C-alpha atoms as a PDB file:
ATOM      1  CA  MET A   1       0.021   0.069   0.073  1.00  0.00           C
ATOM      2  CA  ARG A   2       1.081   3.664  -0.479  1.00  0.00           C
ATOM      3  CA  PHE A   3       0.751   6.200   2.349  1.00  0.00           C
ATOM      4  CA  GLU A   4       1.092   9.874   2.374  1.00  0.00           C
ATOM      5  CA  VAL A   5       3.264  11.078   5.377  1.00  0.00           C
ATOM      6  CA  LEU A   6       3.476  14.441   7.029  1.00  0.00           C
ATOM      7  CA  VAL A   7       6.278  15.024   9.637  1.00  0.00           C
ATOM      8  CA  GLU A   8       6.170  18.200  11.625  1.00  0.00           C
ATOM      9  CA  VAL A   9       9.465  18.947  13.334  1.00  0.00           C
ATOM     10  CA  ARG A  10       9.864  21.653  15.888  1.00  0.00           C
ATOM     11  CA  LEU A  11      12.368  22.664  18.814  1.00  0.00           C
ATOM     12  CA  ARG A  12      11.588  21.126  22.130  1.00  0.00           C
ATOM     13  CA  PRO A  13      10.076  23.252  24.793  1.00  0.00           C
ATOM     14  CA  GLY A  14      12.919  25.245  26.563  1.00  0.00           C
ATOM     15  CA  ILE A  15      15.191  25.368  23.468  1.00  0.00           C
ATOM     16  CA  ALA A  16      15.834  28.870  22.268  1.00  0.00           C
ATOM     17  CA  ASP A  17      14.059  29.580  18.912  1.00  0.00           C
ATOM     18  CA  PRO A  18      15.868  32.644  17.402  1.00  0.00           C
ATOM     19  CA  GLN A  19      13.812  32.544  14.125  1.00  0.00           C
ATOM     20  CA  GLY A  20      10.587  32.409  16.036  1.00  0.00           C
ATOM     21  CA  ALA A  21      11.747  35.345  18.237  1.00  0.00           C
ATOM     22  CA  THR A  22      12.824  37.425  15.160  1.00  0.00           C
ATOM     23  CA  ILE A  23       9.275  36.772  13.555  1.00  0.00           C
ATOM     24  CA  GLU A  24       7.605  37.614  16.807  1.00  0.00           C
ATOM     25  CA  ARG A  25       9.464  40.990  17.134  1.00  0.00           C
ATOM     26  CA  ALA A  26       8.835  41.965  13.365  1.00  0.00           C
ATOM     27  CA  LEU A  27       5.121  41.264  13.441  1.00  0.00           C
ATOM     28  CA  PRO A  28       3.923  44.360  15.339  1.00  0.00           C
ATOM     29  CA  ALA A  29       5.721  46.715  12.745  1.00  0.00           C
ATOM     30  CA  LEU A  30       3.623  45.045  10.151  1.00  0.00           C
ATOM     31  CA  GLY A  31       0.491  45.703  12.087  1.00  0.00           C
ATOM     32  CA  PHE A  32      -0.029  42.130  13.585  1.00  0.00           C
ATOM     33  CA  THR A  33      -0.282  42.758  17.388  1.00  0.00           C
ATOM     34  CA  GLY A  34      -1.282  40.339  20.145  1.00  0.00           C
ATOM     35  CA  VAL A  35       0.779  37.559  18.689  1.00  0.00           C
ATOM     36  CA  ASP A  36       3.251  35.614  20.967  1.00  0.00           C
ATOM     37  CA  GLY A  37       4.890  32.211  21.418  1.00  0.00           C
ATOM     38  CA  VAL A  38       6.092  32.094  17.870  1.00  0.00           C
ATOM     39  CA  ARG A  39       7.993  28.852  17.208  1.00  0.00           C
ATOM     40  CA  VAL A  40       9.467  27.930  13.784  1.00  0.00           C
ATOM     41  CA  GLY A  41       9.789  24.249  12.734  1.00  0.00           C
ATOM     42  CA  LYS A  42       9.819  22.302   9.431  1.00  0.00           C
ATOM     43  CA  ALA A  43       7.281  20.126   7.654  1.00  0.00           C
ATOM     44  CA  ILE A  44       8.412  17.123   5.641  1.00  0.00           C
ATOM     45  CA  ARG A  45       6.061  15.415   3.273  1.00  0.00           C
ATOM     46  CA  PHE A  46       6.469  12.269   1.344  1.00  0.00           C
ATOM     47  CA  ALA A  47       4.940   9.057   0.130  1.00  0.00           C
ATOM     48  CA  ILE A  48       6.005   5.548   1.334  1.00  0.00           C
ATOM     49  CA  GLU A  49       5.214   2.025   0.431  1.00  0.00           C
ATOM     50  CA  ALA A  50       4.341  -0.415   3.251  1.00  0.00           C
ATOM     51  CA  ALA A  51       2.369  -3.379   3.944  1.00  0.00           C
ATOM     52  CA  ASP A  52       0.054  -1.340   6.398  1.00  0.00           C
ATOM     53  CA  GLU A  53      -0.158   1.869   8.363  1.00  0.00           C
ATOM     54  CA  ASP A  54       1.733   0.417  11.376  1.00  0.00           C
ATOM     55  CA  GLU A  55       4.689  -0.529   9.183  1.00  0.00           C
ATOM     56  CA  ALA A  56       4.514   2.890   7.368  1.00  0.00           C
ATOM     57  CA  ARG A  57       4.625   4.576  10.894  1.00  0.00           C
ATOM     58  CA  ARG A  58       7.387   2.395  12.173  1.00  0.00           C
ATOM     59  CA  HIS A  59       9.622   3.207   9.089  1.00  0.00           C
ATOM     60  CA  THR A  60       8.768   6.846   9.256  1.00  0.00           C
ATOM     61  CA  SER A  61       9.547   7.084  13.069  1.00  0.00           C
ATOM     62  CA  ASP A  62      12.905   5.431  12.392  1.00  0.00           C
ATOM     63  CA  MET A  63      13.627   8.055   9.616  1.00  0.00           C
ATOM     64  CA  VAL A  64      12.606  10.747  12.066  1.00  0.00           C
ATOM     65  CA  GLU A  65      15.113   9.484  14.689  1.00  0.00           C
ATOM     66  CA  ARG A  66      17.999   8.808  12.378  1.00  0.00           C
ATOM     67  CA  LEU A  67      17.744  11.665   9.770  1.00  0.00           C
ATOM     68  CA  LEU A  68      14.892  14.014   9.701  1.00  0.00           C
ATOM     69  CA  SER A  69      15.330  15.436  13.208  1.00  0.00           C
ATOM     70  CA  ASN A  70      17.772  15.843  16.053  1.00  0.00           C
ATOM     71  CA  PRO A  71      16.024  14.166  18.893  1.00  0.00           C
ATOM     72  CA  VAL A  72      18.268  15.925  21.505  1.00  0.00           C
ATOM     73  CA  ILE A  73      16.527  19.304  20.679  1.00  0.00           C
ATOM     74  CA  GLU A  74      13.615  18.579  18.459  1.00  0.00           C
ATOM     75  CA  GLU A  75      10.308  16.602  18.670  1.00  0.00           C
ATOM     76  CA  ALA A  76       8.217  15.525  15.600  1.00  0.00           C
ATOM     77  CA  ASP A  77       4.601  14.685  15.084  1.00  0.00           C
ATOM     78  CA  ILE A  78       3.928  11.977  12.483  1.00  0.00           C
ATOM     79  CA  GLU A  79       0.743  11.844  10.372  1.00  0.00           C
ATOM     80  CA  VAL A  80       0.327   8.807   8.061  1.00  0.00           C
ATOM     81  CA  ARG A  81      -2.714   8.196   5.854  1.00  0.00           C
ATOM     82  CA  ALA A  82      -3.436   5.793   3.004  1.00  0.00           C
ATOM     83  CA  THR A  83      -3.582   7.422  -0.382  1.00  0.00           C
ATOM     84  CA  ALA A  84      -6.852   7.701  -2.270  1.00  0.00           C
ATOM     85  CA  GLY A  85      -7.702   4.445  -3.950  1.00  0.00           C
ATOM     86  CA  ALA A  86      -5.108   2.391  -2.012  1.00  0.00           C
ATOM     87  CA  GLY A  87      -6.622  -1.075  -1.179  1.00  0.00           C
ATOM     88  CA  GLY A  88      -5.873  -2.985   1.871  1.00  0.00           C
END
């Protein structure tokens, strides 16, 4: 089966986020007030072939731990869904 995957990686709480801080400081100058807690992350999207959703999730989790994130300072959410027309 083919699955669409979305991995959202972000810095762990308590880790400084200079990009988020820069954006947060710039927003009022552009007329956007009342915004705080800005954190910047990355989204990684891909398709994967696997026997079932559990296998797709396991493979993706391994990729996240070994390549797509730095587990020391980042955390990741994984979303896996079968593509349209994928039988099972």
